[in-house]
Amino acid sequence: RADKERYEMMVEKLAAAHTMHEEQTKRMNEDFERRMREVDHQYESRLAQEYEKQSRLVNEIQLNTELKEQHVADLSRRHEEQRLLLESQQHKAMSEWRREYDHACDVLRSDGLKF
């Protein structure tokens, strides 16, 4: 009888130990899952911020590229305008110089014929 009571008491203690072990395992798994959800949320938040940052940087690079191309086009256009203006002024100056030269030659010829 004492052995039977001792056996039943051991069975009860074993059952209690199993129950306690299951509760601890369940609690540890819940804590682990909660921590993993928190960490997952943090990483998702960081990833979203990095994606936004990269998108902003890509947009900024595209804008700067477009501005640079526009600036280069403006510089090329102004350079061409200045080149055409200088070319026109040079032709005008050459024509005027040629007229003056021809006039001087004509004057010298007519003076040479007088003498």
N, C-alpha and C. Protein backbone atom coordinates (compact mmCIF):
# COMPACT_ATOMS: atom_id res chain seq x y z
N ARG A 1 0.81 -1.18 0.00
CA ARG A 1 0.00 0.00 0.00
C ARG A 1 0.87 1.27 0.00
N ALA A 2 1.88 1.32 0.79
CA ALA A 2 2.79 2.46 0.84
C ALA A 2 3.52 2.59 -0.49
N ASP A 3 3.86 1.45 -1.08
CA ASP A 3 4.51 1.50 -2.39
C ASP A 3 3.57 2.05 -3.44
N LYS A 4 2.31 1.65 -3.33
CA LYS A 4 1.32 2.10 -4.29
C LYS A 4 1.13 3.61 -4.17
N GLU A 5 1.07 4.12 -2.94
CA GLU A 5 0.91 5.56 -2.73
C GLU A 5 2.15 6.32 -3.23
N ARG A 6 3.30 5.72 -2.96
CA ARG A 6 4.53 6.34 -3.42
C ARG A 6 4.58 6.35 -4.95
N TYR A 7 4.12 5.26 -5.57
CA TYR A 7 4.08 5.17 -7.02
C TYR A 7 3.12 6.22 -7.59
N GLU A 8 1.93 6.34 -6.98
CA GLU A 8 0.94 7.32 -7.44
C GLU A 8 1.48 8.75 -7.27
N MET A 9 2.18 8.96 -6.18
CA MET A 9 2.76 10.27 -5.94
C MET A 9 3.84 10.58 -6.98
N MET A 10 4.62 9.59 -7.36
CA MET A 10 5.64 9.78 -8.39
C MET A 10 4.99 10.04 -9.76
N VAL A 11 3.88 9.34 -10.00
CA VAL A 11 3.15 9.54 -11.26
C VAL A 11 2.59 10.96 -11.29
N GLU A 12 2.03 11.41 -10.16
CA GLU A 12 1.50 12.78 -10.09
C GLU A 12 2.61 13.82 -10.28
N LYS A 13 3.76 13.58 -9.63
CA LYS A 13 4.88 14.50 -9.78
C LYS A 13 5.38 14.51 -11.22
N LEU A 14 5.42 13.32 -11.86
CA LEU A 14 5.85 13.24 -13.25
C LEU A 14 4.87 13.99 -14.16
N ALA A 15 3.57 13.78 -13.89
CA ALA A 15 2.55 14.48 -14.69
C ALA A 15 2.67 15.99 -14.49
N ALA A 16 2.90 16.41 -13.25
CA ALA A 16 3.05 17.83 -12.96
C ALA A 16 4.31 18.37 -13.65
N ALA A 17 5.38 17.58 -13.64
CA ALA A 17 6.62 18.00 -14.28
C ALA A 17 6.40 18.13 -15.80
N HIS A 18 5.67 17.16 -16.40
CA HIS A 18 5.36 17.24 -17.83
C HIS A 18 4.53 18.48 -18.14
N THR A 19 3.52 18.72 -17.31
CA THR A 19 2.66 19.89 -17.51
C THR A 19 3.47 21.17 -17.39
N MET A 20 4.32 21.25 -16.38
CA MET A 20 5.14 22.43 -16.18
C MET A 20 6.11 22.61 -17.36
N HIS A 21 6.67 21.50 -17.82
CA HIS A 21 7.58 21.56 -18.96
C HIS A 21 6.84 22.04 -20.22
N GLU A 22 5.65 21.54 -20.45
CA GLU A 22 4.86 21.95 -21.61
C GLU A 22 4.51 23.44 -21.53
N GLU A 23 4.15 23.91 -20.33
CA GLU A 23 3.81 25.33 -20.14
C GLU A 23 5.03 26.21 -20.39
N GLN A 24 6.17 25.78 -19.85
CA GLN A 24 7.40 26.56 -20.07
C GLN A 24 7.79 26.58 -21.55
N THR A 25 7.68 25.44 -22.20
CA THR A 25 8.00 25.36 -23.63
C THR A 25 7.05 26.25 -24.42
N LYS A 26 5.77 26.19 -24.08
CA LYS A 26 4.79 27.02 -24.78
C LYS A 26 5.09 28.51 -24.56
N ARG A 27 5.39 28.89 -23.32
CA ARG A 27 5.71 30.28 -22.99
C ARG A 27 6.98 30.73 -23.71
N MET A 28 8.00 29.87 -23.76
CA MET A 28 9.24 30.22 -24.44
C MET A 28 9.00 30.36 -25.95
N ASN A 29 8.20 29.48 -26.52
CA ASN A 29 7.88 29.59 -27.95
C ASN A 29 7.10 30.87 -28.25
N GLU A 30 6.16 31.21 -27.38
CA GLU A 30 5.39 32.45 -27.57
C GLU A 30 6.31 33.67 -27.48
N ASP A 31 7.21 33.66 -26.47
CA ASP A 31 8.17 34.77 -26.34
C ASP A 31 9.07 34.86 -27.57
N PHE A 32 9.53 33.71 -28.04
CA PHE A 32 10.39 33.70 -29.22
C PHE A 32 9.65 34.23 -30.44
N GLU A 33 8.42 33.79 -30.64
CA GLU A 33 7.63 34.26 -31.79
C GLU A 33 7.34 35.75 -31.69
N ARG A 34 7.06 36.23 -30.48
CA ARG A 34 6.82 37.66 -30.29
C ARG A 34 8.07 38.47 -30.63
N ARG A 35 9.22 38.03 -30.13
CA ARG A 35 10.48 38.71 -30.44
C ARG A 35 10.78 38.67 -31.93
N MET A 36 10.51 37.54 -32.56
CA MET A 36 10.76 37.43 -33.99
C MET A 36 9.83 38.36 -34.78
N ARG A 37 8.57 38.51 -34.35
CA ARG A 37 7.66 39.44 -35.02
C ARG A 37 8.15 40.87 -34.85
N GLU A 38 8.62 41.22 -33.65
CA GLU A 38 9.14 42.56 -33.40
C GLU A 38 10.37 42.85 -34.28
N VAL A 39 11.30 41.90 -34.30
CA VAL A 39 12.51 42.06 -35.11
C VAL A 39 12.14 42.14 -36.60
N ASP A 40 11.21 41.29 -37.02
CA ASP A 40 10.76 41.30 -38.41
C ASP A 40 10.15 42.65 -38.76
N HIS A 41 9.35 43.18 -37.84
CA HIS A 41 8.73 44.50 -38.08
C HIS A 41 9.81 45.59 -38.17
N GLN A 42 10.81 45.53 -37.28
CA GLN A 42 11.90 46.51 -37.32
C GLN A 42 12.65 46.45 -38.65
N TYR A 43 12.97 45.23 -39.08
CA TYR A 43 13.70 45.09 -40.34
C TYR A 43 12.86 45.52 -41.54
N GLU A 44 11.58 45.23 -41.51
CA GLU A 44 10.71 45.68 -42.60
C GLU A 44 10.66 47.21 -42.63
N SER A 45 10.60 47.83 -41.46
CA SER A 45 10.60 49.29 -41.38
C SER A 45 11.90 49.86 -41.92
N ARG A 46 13.02 49.30 -41.51
CA ARG A 46 14.32 49.76 -42.01
C ARG A 46 14.43 49.56 -43.51
N LEU A 47 13.96 48.43 -43.98
CA LEU A 47 14.02 48.14 -45.42
C LEU A 47 13.18 49.14 -46.20
N ALA A 48 12.01 49.46 -45.68
CA ALA A 48 11.14 50.44 -46.35
C ALA A 48 11.83 51.81 -46.38
N GLN A 49 12.48 52.19 -45.28
CA GLN A 49 13.20 53.47 -45.25
C GLN A 49 14.35 53.48 -46.25
N GLU A 50 15.08 52.38 -46.33
CA GLU A 50 16.19 52.31 -47.28
C GLU A 50 15.67 52.37 -48.71
N TYR A 51 14.56 51.70 -48.97
CA TYR A 51 13.97 51.73 -50.31
C TYR A 51 13.55 53.16 -50.67
N GLU A 52 12.92 53.85 -49.73
CA GLU A 52 12.52 55.23 -49.97
C GLU A 52 13.75 56.11 -50.23
N LYS A 53 14.80 55.89 -49.45
CA LYS A 53 16.04 56.66 -49.61
C LYS A 53 16.64 56.41 -50.99
N GLN A 54 16.70 55.14 -51.40
CA GLN A 54 17.26 54.82 -52.71
C GLN A 54 16.41 55.40 -53.82
N SER A 55 15.10 55.34 -53.68
CA SER A 55 14.21 55.92 -54.69
C SER A 55 14.44 57.42 -54.80
N ARG A 56 14.57 58.09 -53.65
CA ARG A 56 14.81 59.52 -53.64
C ARG A 56 16.15 59.85 -54.31
N LEU A 57 17.18 59.06 -54.02
CA LEU A 57 18.49 59.29 -54.61
C LEU A 57 18.47 59.05 -56.12
N VAL A 58 17.76 58.02 -56.55
CA VAL A 58 17.67 57.75 -57.99
C VAL A 58 16.96 58.91 -58.69
N ASN A 59 15.87 59.39 -58.08
CA ASN A 59 15.15 60.54 -58.66
C ASN A 59 16.05 61.77 -58.71
N GLU A 60 16.82 61.98 -57.66
CA GLU A 60 17.73 63.13 -57.61
C GLU A 60 18.81 63.02 -58.70
N ILE A 61 19.33 61.81 -58.89
CA ILE A 61 20.34 61.60 -59.93
C ILE A 61 19.74 61.85 -61.30
N GLN A 62 18.53 61.36 -61.53
CA GLN A 62 17.87 61.59 -62.83
C GLN A 62 17.65 63.08 -63.06
N LEU A 63 17.19 63.77 -62.03
CA LEU A 63 16.96 65.21 -62.16
C LEU A 63 18.27 65.94 -62.46
N ASN A 64 19.33 65.59 -61.72
CA ASN A 64 20.63 66.23 -61.96
C ASN A 64 21.15 65.94 -63.37
N THR A 65 20.92 64.72 -63.84
CA THR A 65 21.35 64.36 -65.19
C THR A 65 20.59 65.20 -66.22
N GLU A 66 19.28 65.32 -66.03
CA GLU A 66 18.48 66.13 -66.95
C GLU A 66 18.92 67.59 -66.92
N LEU A 67 19.17 68.12 -65.72
CA LEU A 67 19.62 69.51 -65.61
C LEU A 67 20.98 69.71 -66.28
N LYS A 68 21.87 68.74 -66.10
CA LYS A 68 23.19 68.83 -66.72
C LYS A 68 23.06 68.80 -68.24
N GLU A 69 22.22 67.90 -68.75
CA GLU A 69 22.04 67.83 -70.20
C GLU A 69 21.44 69.12 -70.74
N GLN A 70 20.50 69.70 -70.01
CA GLN A 70 19.90 70.96 -70.43
C GLN A 70 20.95 72.08 -70.41
N HIS A 71 21.79 72.09 -69.37
CA HIS A 71 22.83 73.11 -69.26
C HIS A 71 23.83 72.98 -70.42
N VAL A 72 24.22 71.75 -70.72
CA VAL A 72 25.16 71.53 -71.83
C VAL A 72 24.52 71.97 -73.14
N ALA A 73 23.24 71.67 -73.34
CA ALA A 73 22.54 72.08 -74.56
C ALA A 73 22.49 73.61 -74.65
N ASP A 74 22.20 74.28 -73.53
CA ASP A 74 22.17 75.75 -73.51
C ASP A 74 23.54 76.32 -73.84
N LEU A 75 24.58 75.75 -73.24
CA LEU A 75 25.95 76.22 -73.53
C LEU A 75 26.29 76.02 -75.01
N SER A 76 25.92 74.89 -75.56
CA SER A 76 26.20 74.63 -76.98
C SER A 76 25.45 75.62 -77.86
N ARG A 77 24.20 75.89 -77.52
CA ARG A 77 23.40 76.84 -78.31
C ARG A 77 24.01 78.24 -78.25
N ARG A 78 24.38 78.68 -77.03
CA ARG A 78 24.99 80.01 -76.89
C ARG A 78 26.32 80.09 -77.61
N HIS A 79 27.10 79.00 -77.53
CA HIS A 79 28.39 78.98 -78.24
C HIS A 79 28.17 79.11 -79.74
N GLU A 80 27.20 78.38 -80.26
CA GLU A 80 26.92 78.45 -81.70
C GLU A 80 26.45 79.85 -82.09
N GLU A 81 25.59 80.46 -81.25
CA GLU A 81 25.14 81.83 -81.53
C GLU A 81 26.31 82.80 -81.55
N GLN A 82 27.21 82.67 -80.57
CA GLN A 82 28.38 83.55 -80.52
C GLN A 82 29.30 83.31 -81.71
N ARG A 83 29.47 82.08 -82.09
CA ARG A 83 30.32 81.76 -83.23
C ARG A 83 29.75 82.37 -84.52
N LEU A 84 28.42 82.24 -84.69
CA LEU A 84 27.79 82.82 -85.88
C LEU A 84 27.89 84.34 -85.88
N LEU A 85 27.72 84.95 -84.70
CA LEU A 85 27.83 86.41 -84.59
C LEU A 85 29.25 86.86 -84.94
N LEU A 86 30.24 86.18 -84.37
CA LEU A 86 31.63 86.54 -84.67
C LEU A 86 31.95 86.34 -86.15
N GLU A 87 31.44 85.25 -86.70
CA GLU A 87 31.67 84.99 -88.12
C GLU A 87 31.05 86.10 -88.98
N SER A 88 29.85 86.50 -88.62
CA SER A 88 29.17 87.58 -89.35
C SER A 88 29.94 88.88 -89.22
N GLN A 89 30.40 89.20 -88.01
CA GLN A 89 31.17 90.43 -87.79
C GLN A 89 32.48 90.37 -88.56
N GLN A 90 33.09 89.19 -88.60
CA GLN A 90 34.35 89.05 -89.33
C GLN A 90 34.13 89.27 -90.83
N HIS A 91 33.06 88.69 -91.38
CA HIS A 91 32.76 88.88 -92.80
C HIS A 91 32.47 90.34 -93.09
N LYS A 92 31.72 90.98 -92.19
CA LYS A 92 31.39 92.40 -92.37
C LYS A 92 32.67 93.24 -92.34
N ALA A 93 33.55 92.95 -91.39
CA ALA A 93 34.80 93.70 -91.27
C ALA A 93 35.68 93.46 -92.50
N MET A 94 35.74 92.24 -92.97
CA MET A 94 36.54 91.93 -94.15
C MET A 94 35.99 92.65 -95.39
N SER A 95 34.66 92.67 -95.51
CA SER A 95 34.05 93.37 -96.66
C SER A 95 34.35 94.85 -96.59
N GLU A 96 34.24 95.44 -95.40
CA GLU A 96 34.53 96.87 -95.24
C GLU A 96 36.00 97.14 -95.54
N TRP A 97 36.88 96.29 -95.03
CA TRP A 97 38.30 96.47 -95.28
C TRP A 97 38.58 96.34 -96.78
N ARG A 98 37.92 95.38 -97.45
CA ARG A 98 38.12 95.17 -98.88
C ARG A 98 37.66 96.39 -99.68
N ARG A 99 36.50 96.96 -99.25
CA ARG A 99 36.00 98.18 -99.92
C ARG A 99 36.99 99.33 -99.77
N GLU A 100 37.49 99.50 -98.55
CA GLU A 100 38.46 100.57 -98.32
C GLU A 100 39.73 100.32 -99.12
N TYR A 101 40.17 99.09 -99.18
CA TYR A 101 41.38 98.74 -99.95
C TYR A 101 41.16 99.03 -101.44
N ASP A 102 39.99 98.55 -101.94
CA ASP A 102 39.67 98.80 -103.35
C ASP A 102 39.58 100.31 -103.64
N HIS A 103 38.96 101.04 -102.70
CA HIS A 103 38.85 102.49 -102.88
C HIS A 103 40.23 103.14 -102.90
N ALA A 104 41.10 102.71 -101.97
CA ALA A 104 42.46 103.25 -101.93
C ALA A 104 43.20 102.91 -103.22
N CYS A 105 43.03 101.69 -103.73
CA CYS A 105 43.68 101.30 -104.99
C CYS A 105 43.16 102.15 -106.14
N ASP A 106 41.84 102.37 -106.16
CA ASP A 106 41.26 103.20 -107.22
C ASP A 106 41.81 104.63 -107.16
N VAL A 107 41.91 105.18 -105.93
CA VAL A 107 42.44 106.54 -105.77
C VAL A 107 43.88 106.58 -106.25
N LEU A 108 44.67 105.59 -105.87
CA LEU A 108 46.08 105.57 -106.31
C LEU A 108 46.19 105.43 -107.83
N ARG A 109 45.33 104.63 -108.43
CA ARG A 109 45.35 104.47 -109.89
C ARG A 109 44.97 105.79 -110.59
N SER A 110 43.90 106.38 -110.05
CA SER A 110 43.48 107.65 -110.70
C SER A 110 44.52 108.73 -110.50
N ASP A 111 45.16 108.78 -109.31
CA ASP A 111 46.23 109.74 -109.08
C ASP A 111 47.43 109.42 -109.96
N GLY A 112 47.68 108.15 -110.17
CA GLY A 112 48.81 107.74 -110.99
C GLY A 112 48.56 108.10 -112.44
N LEU A 113 47.32 108.10 -112.87
CA LEU A 113 47.02 108.46 -114.24
C LEU A 113 47.13 109.97 -114.45
N LYS A 114 46.93 110.73 -113.39
CA LYS A 114 47.00 112.19 -113.47
C LYS A 114 48.43 112.63 -113.71
N PHE A 115 49.36 111.92 -113.20
CA PHE A 115 50.77 112.35 -113.31
C PHE A 115 51.39 111.68 -114.45
